Structures are given as C-alpha cells and as structure tokens.
PDB file of all heavy atoms in Angstrom:
ATOM      1  N   THR A   1     107.751  28.088 -15.115  1.00  0.00           N
ATOM      2  CA  THR A   1     107.078  29.352 -14.815  1.00  0.00           C
ATOM      3  C   THR A   1     107.763  30.074 -13.663  1.00  0.00           C
ATOM      4  O   THR A   1     107.855  31.303 -13.656  1.00  0.00           O
ATOM      5  CB  THR A   1     105.589  29.121 -14.483  1.00  0.00           C
ATOM      6  OG1 THR A   1     105.474  28.213 -13.385  1.00  0.00           O
ATOM      7  CG2 THR A   1     104.848  28.544 -15.682  1.00  0.00           C
ATOM      8  N   GLY A   2     108.280  29.316 -12.704  1.00  0.00           N
ATOM      9  CA  GLY A   2     109.014  29.933 -11.607  1.00  0.00           C
ATOM     10  C   GLY A   2     110.289  30.596 -12.095  1.00  0.00           C
ATOM     11  O   GLY A   2     110.636  31.704 -11.658  1.00  0.00           O
ATOM     12  N   ARG A   3     110.967  29.931 -12.997  1.00  0.00           N
ATOM     13  CA  ARG A   3     112.196  30.506 -13.562  1.00  0.00           C
ATOM     14  C   ARG A   3     111.891  31.780 -14.349  1.00  0.00           C
ATOM     15  O   ARG A   3     112.626  32.770 -14.277  1.00  0.00           O
ATOM     16  CB  ARG A   3     112.871  29.474 -14.463  1.00  0.00           C
ATOM     17  CG  ARG A   3     114.171  29.966 -15.099  1.00  0.00           C
ATOM     18  CD  ARG A   3     114.709  28.954 -16.080  1.00  0.00           C
ATOM     19  NE  ARG A   3     115.840  29.485 -16.830  1.00  0.00           N
ATOM     20  CZ  ARG A   3     116.301  28.960 -17.957  1.00  0.00           C
ATOM     21  NH1 ARG A   3     115.721  27.870 -18.457  1.00  0.00           N
ATOM     22  NH2 ARG A   3     117.323  29.494 -18.586  1.00  0.00           N
ATOM     23  N   ILE A   4     110.781  31.748 -15.101  1.00  0.00           N
ATOM     24  CA  ILE A   4     110.394  32.917 -15.888  1.00  0.00           C
ATOM     25  C   ILE A   4     110.053  34.094 -14.980  1.00  0.00           C
ATOM     26  O   ILE A   4     110.472  35.232 -15.232  1.00  0.00           O
ATOM     27  CB  ILE A   4     109.209  32.572 -16.813  1.00  0.00           C
ATOM     28  CG1 ILE A   4     109.665  31.630 -17.921  1.00  0.00           C
ATOM     29  CG2 ILE A   4     108.587  33.839 -17.407  1.00  0.00           C
ATOM     30  CD1 ILE A   4     108.536  31.076 -18.774  1.00  0.00           C
ATOM     31  N   ARG A   5     109.305  33.839 -13.926  1.00  0.00           N
ATOM     32  CA  ARG A   5     108.950  34.903 -12.989  1.00  0.00           C
ATOM     33  C   ARG A   5     110.192  35.477 -12.305  1.00  0.00           C
ATOM     34  O   ARG A   5     110.309  36.697 -12.125  1.00  0.00           O
ATOM     35  CB  ARG A   5     107.958  34.382 -11.951  1.00  0.00           C
ATOM     36  CG  ARG A   5     106.568  34.113 -12.504  1.00  0.00           C
ATOM     37  CD  ARG A   5     105.654  33.519 -11.444  1.00  0.00           C
ATOM     38  NE  ARG A   5     105.436  34.448 -10.348  1.00  0.00           N
ATOM     39  CZ  ARG A   5     104.510  35.406 -10.340  1.00  0.00           C
ATOM     40  NH1 ARG A   5     103.727  35.563 -11.391  1.00  0.00           N
ATOM     41  NH2 ARG A   5     104.363  36.197  -9.294  1.00  0.00           N
ATOM     42  N   GLU A   6     111.104  34.613 -11.948  1.00  0.00           N
ATOM     43  CA  GLU A   6     112.347  35.072 -11.319  1.00  0.00           C
ATOM     44  C   GLU A   6     113.151  35.933 -12.290  1.00  0.00           C
ATOM     45  O   GLU A   6     113.685  36.984 -11.911  1.00  0.00           O
ATOM     46  CB  GLU A   6     113.166  33.862 -10.863  1.00  0.00           C
ATOM     47  CG  GLU A   6     114.463  34.235 -10.172  1.00  0.00           C
ATOM     48  CD  GLU A   6     115.265  33.012  -9.758  1.00  0.00           C
ATOM     49  OE1 GLU A   6     114.792  31.870  -9.997  1.00  0.00           O
ATOM     50  OE2 GLU A   6     116.364  33.188  -9.205  1.00  0.00           O
ATOM     51  N   TYR A   7     113.237  35.487 -13.533  1.00  0.00           N
ATOM     52  CA  TYR A   7     113.965  36.250 -14.558  1.00  0.00           C
ATOM     53  C   TYR A   7     113.301  37.609 -14.773  1.00  0.00           C
ATOM     54  O   TYR A   7     113.983  38.643 -14.873  1.00  0.00           O
ATOM     55  CB  TYR A   7     113.988  35.453 -15.863  1.00  0.00           C
ATOM     56  CG  TYR A   7     114.696  36.150 -16.997  1.00  0.00           C
ATOM     57  CD1 TYR A   7     116.067  36.053 -17.168  1.00  0.00           C
ATOM     58  CD2 TYR A   7     113.976  36.913 -17.913  1.00  0.00           C
ATOM     59  CE1 TYR A   7     116.719  36.701 -18.213  1.00  0.00           C
ATOM     60  CE2 TYR A   7     114.612  37.561 -18.971  1.00  0.00           C
ATOM     61  CZ  TYR A   7     115.983  37.451 -19.113  1.00  0.00           C
ATOM     62  OH  TYR A   7     116.613  38.098 -20.153  1.00  0.00           O
ATOM     63  N   SER A   8     111.974  37.622 -14.861  1.00  0.00           N
ATOM     64  CA  SER A   8     111.247  38.871 -15.081  1.00  0.00           C
ATOM     65  C   SER A   8     111.504  39.861 -13.956  1.00  0.00           C
ATOM     66  O   SER A   8     111.720  41.056 -14.192  1.00  0.00           O
ATOM     67  CB  SER A   8     109.744  38.605 -15.190  1.00  0.00           C
ATOM     68  OG  SER A   8     109.455  37.759 -16.277  1.00  0.00           O
ATOM     69  N   ARG A   9     111.488  39.363 -12.735  1.00  0.00           N
ATOM     70  CA  ARG A   9     111.696  40.224 -11.570  1.00  0.00           C
ATOM     71  C   ARG A   9     113.138  40.709 -11.472  1.00  0.00           C
ATOM     72  O   ARG A   9     113.393  41.913 -11.297  1.00  0.00           O
ATOM     73  CB  ARG A   9     111.313  39.475 -10.299  1.00  0.00           C
ATOM     74  CG  ARG A   9     111.413  40.333  -9.034  1.00  0.00           C
ATOM     75  CD  ARG A   9     111.171  39.527  -7.770  1.00  0.00           C
ATOM     76  NE  ARG A   9     112.176  38.477  -7.583  1.00  0.00           N
ATOM     77  CZ  ARG A   9     111.928  37.181  -7.670  1.00  0.00           C
ATOM     78  NH1 ARG A   9     110.693  36.754  -7.953  1.00  0.00           N
ATOM     79  NH2 ARG A   9     112.898  36.294  -7.486  1.00  0.00           N
ATOM     80  N   ASP A  10     114.087  39.804 -11.632  1.00  0.00           N
ATOM     81  CA  ASP A  10     115.488  40.160 -11.394  1.00  0.00           C
ATOM     82  C   ASP A  10     116.125  40.903 -12.561  1.00  0.00           C
ATOM     83  O   ASP A  10     116.924  41.828 -12.354  1.00  0.00           O
ATOM     84  CB  ASP A  10     116.298  38.894 -11.098  1.00  0.00           C
ATOM     85  CG  ASP A  10     115.865  38.210  -9.809  1.00  0.00           C
ATOM     86  OD1 ASP A  10     115.125  38.845  -9.031  1.00  0.00           O
ATOM     87  OD2 ASP A  10     116.242  37.045  -9.604  1.00  0.00           O
ATOM     88  N   VAL A  11     115.790  40.512 -13.785  1.00  0.00           N
ATOM     89  CA  VAL A  11     116.444  41.097 -14.963  1.00  0.00           C
ATOM     90  C   VAL A  11     115.644  42.273 -15.538  1.00  0.00           C
ATOM     91  O   VAL A  11     116.214  43.300 -15.918  1.00  0.00           O
ATOM     92  CB  VAL A  11     116.666  40.026 -16.050  1.00  0.00           C
ATOM     93  CG1 VAL A  11     117.279  40.646 -17.306  1.00  0.00           C
ATOM     94  CG2 VAL A  11     117.563  38.915 -15.515  1.00  0.00           C
ATOM     95  N   LEU A  12     114.310  42.132 -15.575  1.00  0.00           N
ATOM     96  CA  LEU A  12     113.476  43.151 -16.210  1.00  0.00           C
ATOM     97  C   LEU A  12     112.739  44.041 -15.218  1.00  0.00           C
ATOM     98  O   LEU A  12     112.065  44.980 -15.616  1.00  0.00           O
ATOM     99  CB  LEU A  12     112.464  42.478 -17.144  1.00  0.00           C
ATOM    100  CG  LEU A  12     113.078  41.642 -18.270  1.00  0.00           C
ATOM    101  CD1 LEU A  12     111.989  40.938 -19.070  1.00  0.00           C
ATOM    102  CD2 LEU A  12     113.949  42.492 -19.184  1.00  0.00           C
ATOM    103  N   GLY A  13     112.858  43.735 -13.926  1.00  0.00           N
ATOM    104  CA  GLY A  13     112.346  44.636 -12.915  1.00  0.00           C
ATOM    105  C   GLY A  13     110.954  44.382 -12.402  1.00  0.00           C
ATOM    106  O   GLY A  13     110.510  45.055 -11.466  1.00  0.00           O
ATOM    107  N   SER A  14     110.224  43.419 -12.975  1.00  0.00           N
ATOM    108  CA  SER A  14     108.859  43.181 -12.505  1.00  0.00           C
ATOM    109  C   SER A  14     108.332  41.851 -13.038  1.00  0.00           C
ATOM    110  O   SER A  14     108.624  41.471 -14.187  1.00  0.00           O
ATOM    111  CB  SER A  14     107.921  44.305 -12.956  1.00  0.00           C
ATOM    112  OG  SER A  14     106.579  44.006 -12.643  1.00  0.00           O
ATOM    113  N   VAL A  15     107.538  41.168 -12.213  1.00  0.00           N
ATOM    114  CA  VAL A  15     106.903  39.929 -12.667  1.00  0.00           C
ATOM    115  C   VAL A  15     105.780  40.213 -13.658  1.00  0.00           C
ATOM    116  O   VAL A  15     105.216  39.293 -14.252  1.00  0.00           O
ATOM    117  CB  VAL A  15     106.353  39.121 -11.480  1.00  0.00           C
ATOM    118  CG1 VAL A  15     107.478  38.637 -10.602  1.00  0.00           C
ATOM    119  CG2 VAL A  15     105.326  39.930 -10.690  1.00  0.00           C
ATOM    120  N   ARG A  16     105.432  41.499 -13.843  1.00  0.00           N
ATOM    121  CA  ARG A  16     104.410  41.860 -14.825  1.00  0.00           C
ATOM    122  C   ARG A  16     104.808  41.464 -16.245  1.00  0.00           C
ATOM    123  O   ARG A  16     103.956  41.383 -17.130  1.00  0.00           O
ATOM    124  CB  ARG A  16     104.146  43.364 -14.780  1.00  0.00           C
ATOM    125  CG  ARG A  16     103.393  43.843 -13.548  1.00  0.00           C
ATOM    126  CD  ARG A  16     103.357  45.354 -13.530  1.00  0.00           C
ATOM    127  NE  ARG A  16     102.356  45.860 -12.594  1.00  0.00           N
ATOM    128  CZ  ARG A  16     102.157  47.151 -12.349  1.00  0.00           C
ATOM    129  NH1 ARG A  16     102.911  48.056 -12.968  1.00  0.00           N
ATOM    130  NH2 ARG A  16     101.230  47.537 -11.498  1.00  0.00           N
ATOM    131  N   PHE A  17     106.087  41.246 -16.456  1.00  0.00           N
ATOM    132  CA  PHE A  17     106.562  40.898 -17.796  1.00  0.00           C
ATOM    133  C   PHE A  17     106.597  39.396 -18.034  1.00  0.00           C
ATOM    134  O   PHE A  17     106.908  38.947 -19.133  1.00  0.00           O
ATOM    135  CB  PHE A  17     107.943  41.515 -18.034  1.00  0.00           C
ATOM    136  CG  PHE A  17     107.966  43.008 -17.814  1.00  0.00           C
ATOM    137  CD1 PHE A  17     108.773  43.572 -16.844  1.00  0.00           C
ATOM    138  CD2 PHE A  17     107.158  43.833 -18.571  1.00  0.00           C
ATOM    139  CE1 PHE A  17     108.779  44.944 -16.627  1.00  0.00           C
ATOM    140  CE2 PHE A  17     107.159  45.211 -18.373  1.00  0.00           C
ATOM    141  CZ  PHE A  17     107.967  45.767 -17.401  1.00  0.00           C
ATOM    142  N   ALA A  18     106.274  38.627 -17.010  1.00  0.00           N
ATOM    143  CA  ALA A  18     106.317  37.172 -17.139  1.00  0.00           C
ATOM    144  C   ALA A  18     105.283  36.602 -18.107  1.00  0.00           C
ATOM    145  O   ALA A  18     105.588  35.650 -18.836  1.00  0.00           O
ATOM    146  CB  ALA A  18     106.175  36.518 -15.763  1.00  0.00           C
ATOM    147  N   PRO A  19     104.035  37.106 -18.137  1.00  0.00           N
ATOM    148  CA  PRO A  19     103.031  36.472 -19.012  1.00  0.00           C
ATOM    149  C   PRO A  19     103.444  36.385 -20.475  1.00  0.00           C
ATOM    150  O   PRO A  19     103.231  35.344 -21.119  1.00  0.00           O
ATOM    151  CB  PRO A  19     101.807  37.365 -18.825  1.00  0.00           C
ATOM    152  CG  PRO A  19     101.929  37.876 -17.427  1.00  0.00           C
ATOM    153  CD  PRO A  19     103.396  38.111 -17.256  1.00  0.00           C
ATOM    154  N   TRP A  20     104.050  37.443 -21.023  1.00  0.00           N
ATOM    155  CA  TRP A  20     104.462  37.357 -22.430  1.00  0.00           C
ATOM    156  C   TRP A  20     105.646  36.412 -22.601  1.00  0.00           C
ATOM    157  O   TRP A  20     105.750  35.719 -23.620  1.00  0.00           O
ATOM    158  CB  TRP A  20     104.791  38.737 -22.991  1.00  0.00           C
ATOM    159  CG  TRP A  20     103.580  39.454 -23.493  1.00  0.00           C
ATOM    160  CD1 TRP A  20     103.048  40.617 -23.012  1.00  0.00           C
ATOM    161  CD2 TRP A  20     102.720  39.040 -24.560  1.00  0.00           C
ATOM    162  NE1 TRP A  20     101.918  40.942 -23.708  1.00  0.00           N
ATOM    163  CE2 TRP A  20     101.688  40.007 -24.672  1.00  0.00           C
ATOM    164  CE3 TRP A  20     102.718  37.959 -25.438  1.00  0.00           C
ATOM    165  CZ2 TRP A  20     100.663  39.917 -25.624  1.00  0.00           C
ATOM    166  CZ3 TRP A  20     101.698  37.866 -26.387  1.00  0.00           C
ATOM    167  CH2 TRP A  20     100.694  38.827 -26.474  1.00  0.00           C
ATOM    168  N   LEU A  21     106.529  36.353 -21.616  1.00  0.00           N
ATOM    169  CA  LEU A  21     107.631  35.395 -21.704  1.00  0.00           C
ATOM    170  C   LEU A  21     107.112  33.961 -21.658  1.00  0.00           C
ATOM    171  O   LEU A  21     107.678  33.067 -22.302  1.00  0.00           O
ATOM    172  CB  LEU A  21     108.626  35.630 -20.570  1.00  0.00           C
ATOM    173  CG  LEU A  21     109.422  36.940 -20.628  1.00  0.00           C
ATOM    174  CD1 LEU A  21     110.363  37.052 -19.438  1.00  0.00           C
ATOM    175  CD2 LEU A  21     110.195  37.062 -21.940  1.00  0.00           C
ATOM    176  N   GLU A  22     106.027  33.735 -20.926  1.00  0.00           N
ATOM    177  CA  GLU A  22     105.403  32.412 -20.921  1.00  0.00           C
ATOM    178  C   GLU A  22     104.817  32.092 -22.295  1.00  0.00           C
ATOM    179  O   GLU A  22     104.901  30.950 -22.767  1.00  0.00           O
ATOM    180  CB  GLU A  22     104.323  32.357 -19.845  1.00  0.00           C
ATOM    181  CG  GLU A  22     104.889  32.403 -18.433  1.00  0.00           C
ATOM    182  CD  GLU A  22     103.800  32.480 -17.371  1.00  0.00           C
ATOM    183  OE1 GLU A  22     102.602  32.462 -17.741  1.00  0.00           O
ATOM    184  OE2 GLU A  22     104.144  32.575 -16.180  1.00  0.00           O
ATOM    185  N   VAL A  23     104.228  33.089 -22.947  1.00  0.00           N
ATOM    186  CA  VAL A  23     103.712  32.892 -24.309  1.00  0.00           C
ATOM    187  C   VAL A  23     104.847  32.535 -25.258  1.00  0.00           C
ATOM    188  O   VAL A  23     104.761  31.569 -26.032  1.00  0.00           O
ATOM    189  CB  VAL A  23     102.992  34.168 -24.803  1.00  0.00           C
ATOM    190  CG1 VAL A  23     102.717  34.074 -26.305  1.00  0.00           C
ATOM    191  CG2 VAL A  23     101.696  34.375 -24.041  1.00  0.00           C
ATOM    192  N   TYR A  24     105.937  33.308 -25.221  1.00  0.00           N
ATOM    193  CA  TYR A  24     107.078  33.034 -26.090  1.00  0.00           C
ATOM    194  C   TYR A  24     107.596  31.612 -25.872  1.00  0.00           C
ATOM    195  O   TYR A  24     107.918  30.895 -26.822  1.00  0.00           O
ATOM    196  CB  TYR A  24     108.231  34.009 -25.808  1.00  0.00           C
ATOM    197  CG  TYR A  24     107.973  35.473 -26.076  1.00  0.00           C
ATOM    198  CD1 TYR A  24     108.944  36.422 -25.793  1.00  0.00           C
ATOM    199  CD2 TYR A  24     106.763  35.934 -26.608  1.00  0.00           C
ATOM    200  CE1 TYR A  24     108.744  37.775 -26.024  1.00  0.00           C
ATOM    201  CE2 TYR A  24     106.553  37.281 -26.847  1.00  0.00           C
ATOM    202  CZ  TYR A  24     107.546  38.203 -26.543  1.00  0.00           C
ATOM    203  OH  TYR A  24     107.347  39.536 -26.771  1.00  0.00           O
ATOM    204  N   THR A  25     107.691  31.227 -24.595  1.00  0.00           N
ATOM    205  CA  THR A  25     108.240  29.912 -24.258  1.00  0.00           C
ATOM    206  C   THR A  25     107.353  28.791 -24.788  1.00  0.00           C
ATOM    207  O   THR A  25     107.849  27.803 -25.352  1.00  0.00           O
ATOM    208  CB  THR A  25     108.402  29.785 -22.737  1.00  0.00           C
ATOM    209  OG1 THR A  25     109.243  30.839 -22.254  1.00  0.00           O
ATOM    210  CG2 THR A  25     109.026  28.449 -22.361  1.00  0.00           C
ATOM    211  N   ALA A  26     106.043  28.923 -24.614  1.00  0.00           N
ATOM    212  CA  ALA A  26     105.120  27.904 -25.110  1.00  0.00           C
ATOM    213  C   ALA A  26     105.153  27.834 -26.633  1.00  0.00           C
ATOM    214  O   ALA A  26     105.116  26.746 -27.219  1.00  0.00           O
ATOM    215  CB  ALA A  26     103.702  28.209 -24.630  1.00  0.00           C
TER     216      ALA A  26
END
C-alpha cells in the first residue's frame, strides 16, 4: 500500500488515485 500511494503521488499526481490501484492489485 505504501508503494501504491507513492506511485499515485509521484506518477499520477495525487494519493487520491491510490484506492482504485489497491482494488486492481487485490
């Protein structure tokens, strides 16, 4: 989850995009 949040912030511009990436990952 930390990696996903970091990716969301650095690559996509916001941690707001992390929840759906967590869904995809699960």
